[in-house]
Amino acid sequence: MRLLRAQGLAPGQVVMTPDAPALDLVEMQHSLARLGAILFPFRAGLERSELDALARMTGAEWVWLPDAARLQRQGHAQSEADAADAQGIRLMIRTSGSSGQPRAAMLTAGAILASASAVNRRLGLRRGDVWLSCLRQSHIGGVSIGYRCALAG
C-alpha cells in the first residue's frame, strides 16, 4: 500500500490490474480497497491497443506492471468512470455489453460487501475454510471470491 501511495496513487483513481499472477491481483484488490482506489482487473496478455481501449473506456489513470512491481501512468479521455469516485465505486468489471459494445460495470464498496456477506451467509463460509478459485479474476465470479474470503477471515 505504501508503494502505491509513494508512486502517486490517490483515492478514487482507477488502476488496471492484470489477472495474472493471481496473487498480485488479490493483493492489489485489498490494497486498493484500503486506499479508496478503484480496481479494474483485466485478462493478462492483452495487446497494447486493447489495453489502451480499456483505459479509455474506464478512465484508468494507472496500470499495474507486476513484473516491475510498479504502477505506470495511463492517459485517458473522458469516460463513464470520471464520476466513479463521487459515487463510491471501488470495482469496475468489463462486461460483454448486452446492448452492443463492451462496457464497465461499476460496483460500490457497499454492493461488494452486501454480495460477499450474503454469499458467505448462504454457504456458511467462515475462517479456516478453503475456496478453490477456478474462474478468471478479471470476471466478477473470480474476483468476488477474494472479497468473500477476506470477509470470512
Protein backbone atom coordinates (compact mmCIF):
# COMPACT_ATOMS: atom_id res chain seq x y z
CA MET A 1 0.00 0.00 0.00
CA ARG A 2 2.83 2.41 0.84
CA LEU A 3 4.44 1.60 -2.52
CA LEU A 4 1.25 2.58 -4.34
CA ARG A 5 0.91 5.83 -2.40
CA ALA A 6 4.58 6.66 -2.96
CA GLN A 7 4.07 6.30 -6.72
CA GLY A 8 1.30 8.90 -6.63
CA LEU A 9 -1.88 6.81 -6.45
CA ALA A 10 -4.76 8.78 -4.96
CA PRO A 11 -8.19 7.71 -3.69
CA GLY A 12 -10.79 7.45 -6.44
CA GLN A 13 -8.30 6.73 -9.19
CA VAL A 14 -8.73 3.67 -11.43
CA VAL A 15 -5.95 1.06 -11.53
CA MET A 16 -5.97 -1.53 -14.31
CA THR A 17 -4.52 -4.77 -12.96
CA PRO A 18 -3.81 -7.97 -14.93
CA ASP A 19 -5.38 -11.17 -13.62
CA ALA A 20 -2.01 -12.97 -13.60
CA PRO A 21 -0.15 -13.59 -11.46
CA ALA A 22 -3.28 -14.24 -9.41
CA LEU A 23 -1.73 -13.43 -6.04
CA ASP A 24 -0.71 -9.97 -7.27
CA LEU A 25 -4.31 -9.26 -8.20
CA VAL A 26 -5.59 -10.39 -4.80
CA GLU A 27 -3.04 -8.17 -3.06
CA MET A 28 -3.97 -5.23 -5.29
CA GLN A 29 -7.65 -5.91 -4.71
CA HIS A 30 -7.27 -5.38 -0.97
CA SER A 31 -4.63 -2.64 -1.12
CA LEU A 32 -6.74 -0.55 -3.49
CA ALA A 33 -9.81 -1.05 -1.30
CA ARG A 34 -7.88 0.23 1.73
CA LEU A 35 -6.65 3.22 -0.27
CA GLY A 36 -10.10 4.03 -1.66
CA ALA A 37 -8.93 3.49 -5.24
CA ILE A 38 -10.83 1.60 -7.95
CA LEU A 39 -9.77 -1.83 -9.21
CA PHE A 40 -10.25 -2.75 -12.86
CA PRO A 41 -8.96 -6.31 -13.41
CA PHE A 42 -8.23 -7.33 -16.99
CA ARG A 43 -7.16 -10.51 -18.77
CA ALA A 44 -3.35 -10.73 -18.74
CA GLY A 45 -1.60 -10.81 -22.09
CA LEU A 46 -3.70 -8.23 -23.94
CA GLU A 47 -2.16 -6.30 -26.82
CA ARG A 48 -1.23 -2.66 -26.23
CA SER A 49 -4.13 -1.46 -28.40
CA GLU A 50 -6.58 -3.48 -26.27
CA LEU A 51 -5.11 -2.02 -23.07
CA ASP A 52 -5.41 1.49 -24.47
CA ALA A 53 -9.06 0.87 -25.38
CA LEU A 54 -9.78 -0.40 -21.84
CA ALA A 55 -8.03 2.63 -20.34
CA ARG A 56 -10.19 4.97 -22.42
CA MET A 57 -13.36 3.04 -21.55
CA THR A 58 -12.69 3.04 -17.80
CA GLY A 59 -10.86 6.32 -17.39
CA ALA A 60 -7.95 4.45 -15.80
CA GLU A 61 -5.14 6.65 -14.54
CA TRP A 62 -2.82 3.72 -13.81
CA VAL A 63 -1.87 0.22 -14.92
CA TRP A 64 -0.10 -2.22 -12.57
CA LEU A 65 3.04 -3.83 -14.01
CA PRO A 66 3.57 -6.97 -11.92
CA ASP A 67 6.98 -7.82 -13.40
CA ALA A 68 8.32 -4.42 -12.37
CA ALA A 69 6.21 -4.20 -9.18
CA ARG A 70 5.19 -0.65 -10.04
CA LEU A 71 2.38 1.49 -11.38
CA GLN A 72 2.59 3.10 -14.80
CA ARG A 73 0.69 6.32 -15.54
CA GLN A 74 -2.10 5.95 -18.15
CA GLY A 75 -3.60 8.85 -20.02
CA HIS A 76 -7.33 8.68 -20.53
CA ALA A 77 -10.09 10.52 -22.29
CA GLN A 78 -13.46 11.44 -20.83
CA SER A 79 -15.29 8.23 -19.93
CA GLU A 80 -18.14 6.79 -17.92
CA ALA A 81 -15.75 6.37 -14.99
CA ASP A 82 -14.88 10.02 -14.45
CA ALA A 83 -17.55 10.44 -11.75
CA ALA A 84 -16.94 6.99 -10.24
CA ASP A 85 -15.29 8.15 -7.02
CA ALA A 86 -18.11 10.58 -6.28
CA GLN A 87 -20.44 7.57 -6.35
CA GLY A 88 -18.21 5.40 -4.12
CA ILE A 89 -17.21 2.99 -6.91
CA ARG A 90 -14.45 0.57 -5.87
CA LEU A 91 -14.57 -2.14 -8.57
CA MET A 92 -15.06 -1.99 -12.32
CA ILE A 93 -15.57 -5.17 -14.36
CA ARG A 94 -15.61 -5.41 -18.14
CA THR A 95 -18.87 -6.81 -19.47
CA SER A 96 -19.68 -8.00 -22.95
CA GLY A 97 -22.25 -5.25 -23.30
CA SER A 98 -25.76 -6.61 -23.78
CA SER A 99 -26.59 -3.62 -25.98
CA GLY A 100 -23.57 -3.93 -28.31
CA GLN A 101 -20.23 -2.52 -27.19
CA PRO A 102 -18.36 -3.80 -24.12
CA ARG A 103 -18.85 -1.67 -21.01
CA ALA A 104 -17.53 -1.41 -17.50
CA ALA A 105 -19.93 -2.40 -14.73
CA MET A 106 -19.23 -0.22 -11.70
CA LEU A 107 -19.71 -1.60 -8.19
CA THR A 108 -19.63 0.31 -4.92
CA ALA A 109 -17.92 -0.89 -1.76
CA GLY A 110 -21.39 -1.32 -0.25
CA ALA A 111 -22.54 -3.54 -3.11
CA ILE A 112 -19.38 -5.67 -2.88
CA LEU A 113 -19.82 -6.06 0.88
CA ALA A 114 -23.53 -6.88 0.59
CA SER A 115 -22.85 -9.54 -2.04
CA ALA A 116 -19.94 -11.11 -0.14
CA SER A 117 -21.95 -11.11 3.12
CA ALA A 118 -24.99 -12.73 1.50
CA VAL A 119 -22.96 -15.45 -0.23
CA ASN A 120 -20.90 -16.19 2.89
CA ARG A 121 -24.04 -16.43 4.99
CA ARG A 122 -25.77 -18.69 2.45
CA LEU A 123 -22.77 -21.00 2.02
CA GLY A 124 -21.63 -20.85 5.64
CA LEU A 125 -18.14 -19.65 4.63
CA ARG A 126 -16.02 -18.90 7.71
CA ARG A 127 -12.45 -18.54 8.91
CA GLY A 128 -10.33 -21.57 8.02
CA ASP A 129 -12.43 -22.63 5.03
CA VAL A 130 -10.74 -23.01 1.65
CA TRP A 131 -12.20 -21.90 -1.68
CA LEU A 132 -10.76 -23.10 -4.97
CA SER A 133 -10.88 -20.18 -7.37
CA CYS A 134 -11.00 -21.63 -10.88
CA LEU A 135 -12.57 -18.58 -12.55
CA ARG A 136 -10.51 -15.79 -14.08
CA GLN A 137 -10.18 -12.94 -11.64
CA SER A 138 -10.91 -10.49 -14.43
CA HIS A 139 -14.53 -11.72 -14.26
CA ILE A 140 -16.92 -10.90 -11.44
CA GLY A 141 -17.22 -14.57 -10.42
CA GLY A 142 -13.47 -14.82 -9.93
CA VAL A 143 -12.69 -11.50 -8.27
CA SER A 144 -15.65 -11.90 -5.87
CA ILE A 145 -14.00 -14.89 -4.24
CA GLY A 146 -11.20 -12.68 -2.93
CA TYR A 147 -13.71 -10.38 -1.24
CA ARG A 148 -15.69 -13.30 0.21
CA CYS A 149 -12.63 -14.99 1.66
CA ALA A 150 -11.30 -11.76 3.16
CA LEU A 151 -14.66 -11.06 4.76
CA ALA A 152 -14.76 -14.59 6.22
CA GLY A 153 -11.28 -14.08 7.67
